[in-house]
Amino acid sequence: MKENQLKKRIASGKAGFGVISPTIDPIICEYIGLLGMDFYMLDAEHGAITASDVTNMVRACEIRNTTPLARIRSVDAKLILQYMDAGIMGVMMPSINNTDDVKKLVEAIKYPPMGHRGLGPVRAADYMQGTMSQPEYVAFANQETLVLPQIESMECVKNLPEMCKIDGVDGFIIGPRDLAMSMGYYNGPGHDEVKTVLNDIFSTIIASDKWFGTVAGNADQAQVLIEKGASMIMNSVQGLIKTSGNAFLTARK
């Protein structure tokens, strides 16, 4: 298991940049790393990515020194274990609404004494043939893996102050589109009420010992979010293709 470069960058006071993608092609993972992205988020919630797809994608990320993360569809400890054992270094979990959800997520990602993750001769542990002793590996894995609950509902916002107190959580990822929908706005998060809630979320998290990340469609949006305190900035692979594709097609008459 390698040092988590995204976590290291955030600890240095710099924001980490990356993409979220539903593709199962390791070549895309590697190319994103070559661009200089800090992380690659496998979208196994909206994408048809299974645990069996993960290993080669993780390898591709590691080759290019890009931190492999995954968004997994539910707080299912056995499912999460398969991703972690393949070498995923952090999980963003959707549909988190309360402290019980967050505690279950921590327990699934972390080994004892922080959690209940099972240990075996798997890839993440160098098949138990690496240079670390078992206690050293367990401590290192607990230190390097990221726990990232996703904020997508007003119920989650209501419980956020208590969620911020839970040990083992590194940061929260805000999903502005689903949050806006939970508030009754179905055409995006650009409404003033949604912006107010987002700013309140930012303030609550910054006041704790956690950090936050969210999505940005372009560099200007990313800079605004960094000025608001964001430590993790994401765009989608689809969004990057759309932006560059539309720019390219302006020459098509």
Protein backbone atom coordinates (compact mmCIF):
# COMPACT_ATOMS: atom_id res chain seq x y z
CA MET A 1 0.00 0.00 0.00
CA LYS A 2 1.28 3.43 -0.95
CA GLU A 3 1.10 6.81 0.75
CA ASN A 4 -2.12 8.67 -0.06
CA GLN A 5 -0.92 11.55 -2.24
CA LEU A 6 -4.29 13.33 -2.12
CA LYS A 7 -4.32 13.30 1.66
CA LYS A 8 -0.71 14.51 1.72
CA ARG A 9 -1.53 17.40 -0.61
CA ILE A 10 -4.54 18.48 1.44
CA ALA A 11 -2.49 18.29 4.64
CA SER A 12 0.01 20.68 3.03
CA GLY A 13 -2.76 23.27 2.62
CA LYS A 14 -3.37 22.77 -1.09
CA ALA A 15 -6.59 21.67 -2.76
CA GLY A 16 -6.62 18.33 -4.55
CA PHE A 17 -8.05 18.18 -8.08
CA GLY A 18 -9.55 15.14 -9.74
CA VAL A 19 -12.34 13.58 -11.73
CA ILE A 20 -15.26 11.26 -11.13
CA SER A 21 -15.98 8.76 -13.88
CA PRO A 22 -18.34 5.84 -14.60
CA THR A 23 -15.98 4.20 -17.10
CA ILE A 24 -14.27 0.86 -16.44
CA ASP A 25 -11.34 1.51 -18.78
CA PRO A 26 -7.95 1.60 -17.01
CA ILE A 27 -6.52 3.63 -19.90
CA ILE A 28 -8.75 6.55 -18.87
CA CYS A 29 -7.48 6.24 -15.29
CA GLU A 30 -3.89 6.35 -16.49
CA TYR A 31 -4.47 9.25 -18.86
CA ILE A 32 -6.15 11.30 -16.13
CA GLY A 33 -3.05 10.71 -14.03
CA LEU A 34 -0.82 11.85 -16.87
CA LEU A 35 -2.77 15.11 -16.98
CA GLY A 36 -1.61 15.72 -13.41
CA MET A 37 -4.84 15.06 -11.52
CA ASP A 38 -4.46 14.26 -7.83
CA PHE A 39 -7.22 11.66 -7.67
CA TYR A 40 -9.52 9.50 -9.77
CA MET A 41 -12.97 8.71 -8.35
CA LEU A 42 -14.56 5.52 -9.69
CA ASP A 43 -18.31 6.13 -9.79
CA ALA A 44 -19.83 2.81 -8.78
CA GLU A 45 -23.10 4.49 -7.79
CA HIS A 46 -24.20 5.80 -11.20
CA GLY A 47 -21.72 3.79 -13.26
CA ALA A 48 -21.80 0.05 -13.99
CA ILE A 49 -18.52 -0.53 -12.14
CA THR A 50 -18.26 -3.73 -10.14
CA ALA A 51 -15.72 -4.85 -7.60
CA SER A 52 -14.14 -7.14 -10.21
CA ASP A 53 -13.42 -4.11 -12.44
CA VAL A 54 -11.50 -2.25 -9.79
CA THR A 55 -8.08 -3.89 -9.55
CA ASN A 56 -6.74 -2.90 -12.97
CA MET A 57 -8.15 0.61 -12.58
CA VAL A 58 -6.34 0.97 -9.26
CA ARG A 59 -3.12 -0.29 -10.85
CA ALA A 60 -3.43 2.31 -13.60
CA CYS A 61 -3.88 5.07 -11.02
CA GLU A 62 -0.89 3.89 -9.01
CA ILE A 63 1.37 3.84 -12.07
CA ARG A 64 0.69 7.57 -12.55
CA ASN A 65 0.76 8.49 -8.84
CA THR A 66 -2.95 9.33 -8.77
CA THR A 67 -4.97 8.45 -5.67
CA PRO A 68 -7.72 5.91 -6.49
CA LEU A 69 -11.05 6.59 -4.77
CA ALA A 70 -14.53 5.14 -5.25
CA ARG A 71 -18.11 6.23 -4.80
CA ILE A 72 -19.93 3.05 -3.76
CA ARG A 73 -23.70 2.67 -3.87
CA SER A 74 -24.46 1.77 -0.23
CA VAL A 75 -22.93 1.33 3.22
CA ASP A 76 -22.51 -2.40 2.71
CA ALA A 77 -19.41 -3.50 4.62
CA LYS A 78 -18.85 -6.60 2.48
CA LEU A 79 -19.10 -4.60 -0.74
CA ILE A 80 -16.85 -1.83 0.56
CA LEU A 81 -14.31 -4.47 1.64
CA GLN A 82 -13.91 -5.73 -1.93
CA TYR A 83 -13.03 -2.23 -3.16
CA MET A 84 -10.66 -1.55 -0.27
CA ASP A 85 -8.91 -4.91 -0.67
CA ALA A 86 -8.27 -4.07 -4.35
CA GLY A 87 -6.38 -0.94 -3.27
CA ILE A 88 -8.97 1.84 -3.23
CA MET A 89 -7.66 4.49 -0.84
CA GLY A 90 -10.90 6.20 0.08
CA VAL A 91 -14.65 5.96 -0.27
CA MET A 92 -17.17 8.69 -0.98
CA MET A 93 -20.52 7.42 0.22
CA PRO A 94 -23.85 8.80 -1.08
CA SER A 95 -27.19 8.76 0.74
CA ILE A 96 -25.66 9.54 4.13
CA ASN A 97 -28.22 11.14 6.42
CA ASN A 98 -27.24 10.66 10.07
CA THR A 99 -24.48 9.77 12.49
CA ASP A 100 -25.30 6.05 12.40
CA ASP A 101 -24.66 6.02 8.64
CA VAL A 102 -21.32 7.76 9.13
CA LYS A 103 -20.21 5.42 11.91
CA LYS A 104 -21.03 2.39 9.75
CA LEU A 105 -18.94 3.87 6.95
CA VAL A 106 -15.94 4.41 9.22
CA GLU A 107 -16.27 0.88 10.58
CA ALA A 108 -16.33 -0.59 7.06
CA ILE A 109 -13.25 1.29 5.85
CA LYS A 110 -11.00 1.09 8.91
CA TYR A 111 -9.31 -1.89 10.53
CA PRO A 112 -9.58 -2.39 14.32
CA PRO A 113 -9.40 -0.58 16.62
CA MET A 114 -10.95 2.19 14.49
CA GLY A 115 -13.36 -0.09 12.63
CA HIS A 116 -14.31 -3.65 11.77
CA ARG A 117 -12.67 -4.19 8.37
CA GLY A 118 -11.42 -7.74 7.95
CA LEU A 119 -7.79 -8.48 7.12
CA GLY A 120 -6.59 -11.03 4.59
CA PRO A 121 -3.78 -11.72 2.09
CA VAL A 122 -5.15 -9.24 -0.45
CA ARG A 123 -3.66 -6.77 -2.89
CA ALA A 124 -4.00 -3.72 -0.61
CA ALA A 125 -1.93 -5.58 2.00
CA ASP A 126 0.68 -6.67 -0.57
CA TYR A 127 -0.76 -10.17 -0.16
CA MET A 128 0.88 -10.19 3.28
CA GLN A 129 4.26 -10.49 1.53
CA GLY A 130 5.36 -6.86 1.80
CA THR A 131 7.99 -5.17 3.93
CA MET A 132 5.54 -4.08 6.64
CA SER A 133 4.60 -6.27 9.57
CA GLN A 134 0.89 -6.90 10.04
CA PRO A 135 0.56 -4.31 12.85
CA GLU A 136 2.49 -1.78 10.75
CA TYR A 137 0.25 -2.34 7.74
CA VAL A 138 -2.96 -2.04 9.78
CA ALA A 139 -1.81 1.25 11.32
CA PHE A 140 -0.63 2.58 7.94
CA ALA A 141 -3.88 1.63 6.19
CA ASN A 142 -5.97 3.28 8.90
CA GLN A 143 -3.85 6.41 8.54
CA GLU A 144 -3.94 6.60 4.73
CA THR A 145 -7.52 5.60 3.80
CA LEU A 146 -10.07 8.39 3.43
CA VAL A 147 -13.64 8.40 4.77
CA LEU A 148 -15.78 10.84 2.78
CA PRO A 149 -19.53 10.97 3.50
CA GLN A 150 -21.50 12.80 0.82
CA ILE A 151 -23.94 15.59 1.72
CA GLU A 152 -26.96 15.41 -0.58
CA SER A 153 -30.06 16.06 1.56
CA MET A 154 -31.43 18.52 4.08
CA GLU A 155 -31.66 15.70 6.61
CA CYS A 156 -27.91 15.29 6.31
CA VAL A 157 -27.43 19.06 6.66
CA LYS A 158 -29.49 19.03 9.85
CA ASN A 159 -27.28 16.32 11.34
CA LEU A 160 -23.99 17.69 10.01
CA PRO A 161 -22.73 19.29 13.27
CA GLU A 162 -22.90 15.92 15.04
CA MET A 163 -21.47 14.08 12.05
CA CYS A 164 -18.45 16.40 12.11
CA LYS A 165 -17.60 15.11 15.59
CA ILE A 166 -17.14 11.49 14.51
CA ASP A 167 -13.59 10.16 14.64
CA GLY A 168 -12.28 8.62 11.45
CA VAL A 169 -14.04 10.99 9.06
CA ASP A 170 -11.63 13.01 6.95
CA GLY A 171 -13.97 15.25 5.02
CA PHE A 172 -17.37 15.66 3.45
CA ILE A 173 -18.19 15.88 -0.24
CA ILE A 174 -21.12 18.11 -1.13
CA GLY A 175 -23.41 17.09 -3.99
CA PRO A 176 -25.10 20.40 -4.87
CA ARG A 177 -27.46 19.03 -7.52
CA ASP A 178 -29.08 16.39 -5.30
CA LEU A 179 -29.07 18.80 -2.37
CA ALA A 180 -30.99 21.33 -4.46
CA MET A 181 -33.48 18.65 -5.46
CA SER A 182 -34.02 17.74 -1.81
CA MET A 183 -34.93 21.41 -1.28
CA GLY A 184 -37.47 21.37 -4.10
CA TYR A 185 -35.31 22.98 -6.79
CA TYR A 186 -35.20 20.64 -9.77
CA ASN A 187 -33.26 22.78 -12.25
CA GLY A 188 -29.93 23.02 -10.46
CA PRO A 189 -28.27 24.58 -7.40
CA GLY A 190 -28.13 28.16 -8.66
CA HIS A 191 -30.96 29.44 -6.42
CA ASP A 192 -30.17 31.86 -3.61
CA GLU A 193 -31.64 29.58 -0.94
CA VAL A 194 -29.43 26.71 -2.09
CA LYS A 195 -26.36 28.96 -2.14
CA THR A 196 -27.12 30.04 1.43
CA VAL A 197 -27.36 26.42 2.58
CA LEU A 198 -24.12 25.57 0.78
CA ASN A 199 -22.29 28.43 2.48
CA ASP A 200 -23.67 27.29 5.85
CA ILE A 201 -22.39 23.78 5.13
CA PHE A 202 -18.94 25.13 4.26
CA SER A 203 -18.83 27.14 7.50
CA THR A 204 -19.94 24.22 9.66
CA ILE A 205 -17.30 21.90 8.25
CA ILE A 206 -14.49 24.46 8.36
CA ALA A 207 -15.29 25.13 12.03
CA SER A 208 -14.65 21.43 12.76
CA ASP A 209 -11.44 19.47 12.19
CA LYS A 210 -12.73 18.14 8.86
CA TRP A 211 -12.43 19.46 5.31
CA PHE A 212 -14.82 19.58 2.39
CA GLY A 213 -14.87 18.98 -1.31
CA THR A 214 -17.36 19.53 -4.10
CA VAL A 215 -17.74 19.81 -7.86
CA ALA A 216 -16.62 22.57 -10.21
CA GLY A 217 -17.37 22.85 -13.91
CA ASN A 218 -14.39 25.04 -14.75
CA ALA A 219 -11.29 26.71 -13.31
CA ASP A 220 -13.13 29.90 -12.31
CA GLN A 221 -15.67 27.93 -10.28
CA ALA A 222 -12.84 25.93 -8.73
CA GLN A 223 -11.03 29.10 -7.65
CA VAL A 224 -14.18 30.48 -5.99
CA LEU A 225 -14.63 27.22 -4.08
CA ILE A 226 -10.99 27.19 -2.97
CA GLU A 227 -11.44 30.73 -1.66
CA LYS A 228 -14.43 29.44 0.32
CA GLY A 229 -12.20 26.77 1.86
CA ALA A 230 -12.63 23.72 -0.39
CA SER A 231 -9.87 21.11 -0.16
CA MET A 232 -11.06 18.77 -2.89
CA ILE A 233 -12.34 19.81 -6.33
CA MET A 234 -13.97 17.42 -8.79
CA ASN A 235 -15.16 17.56 -12.35
CA SER A 236 -16.69 14.66 -14.25
CA VAL A 237 -14.97 12.98 -17.18
CA GLN A 238 -18.15 13.69 -19.14
CA GLY A 239 -17.92 17.37 -18.20
CA LEU A 240 -14.32 17.63 -19.35
CA ILE A 241 -15.16 15.96 -22.66
CA LYS A 242 -18.16 18.25 -23.15
CA THR A 243 -16.17 21.42 -22.45
CA SER A 244 -13.25 20.56 -24.71
CA GLY A 245 -15.54 19.04 -27.35
CA ASN A 246 -17.75 22.11 -27.54
CA ALA A 247 -14.69 24.35 -27.82
CA PHE A 248 -13.29 22.20 -30.62
CA LEU A 249 -16.59 22.20 -32.51
CA THR A 250 -16.75 26.00 -32.69
CA ALA A 251 -14.60 25.64 -35.82
CA ARG A 252 -17.15 23.35 -37.47
CA LYS A 253 -19.21 25.41 -39.90
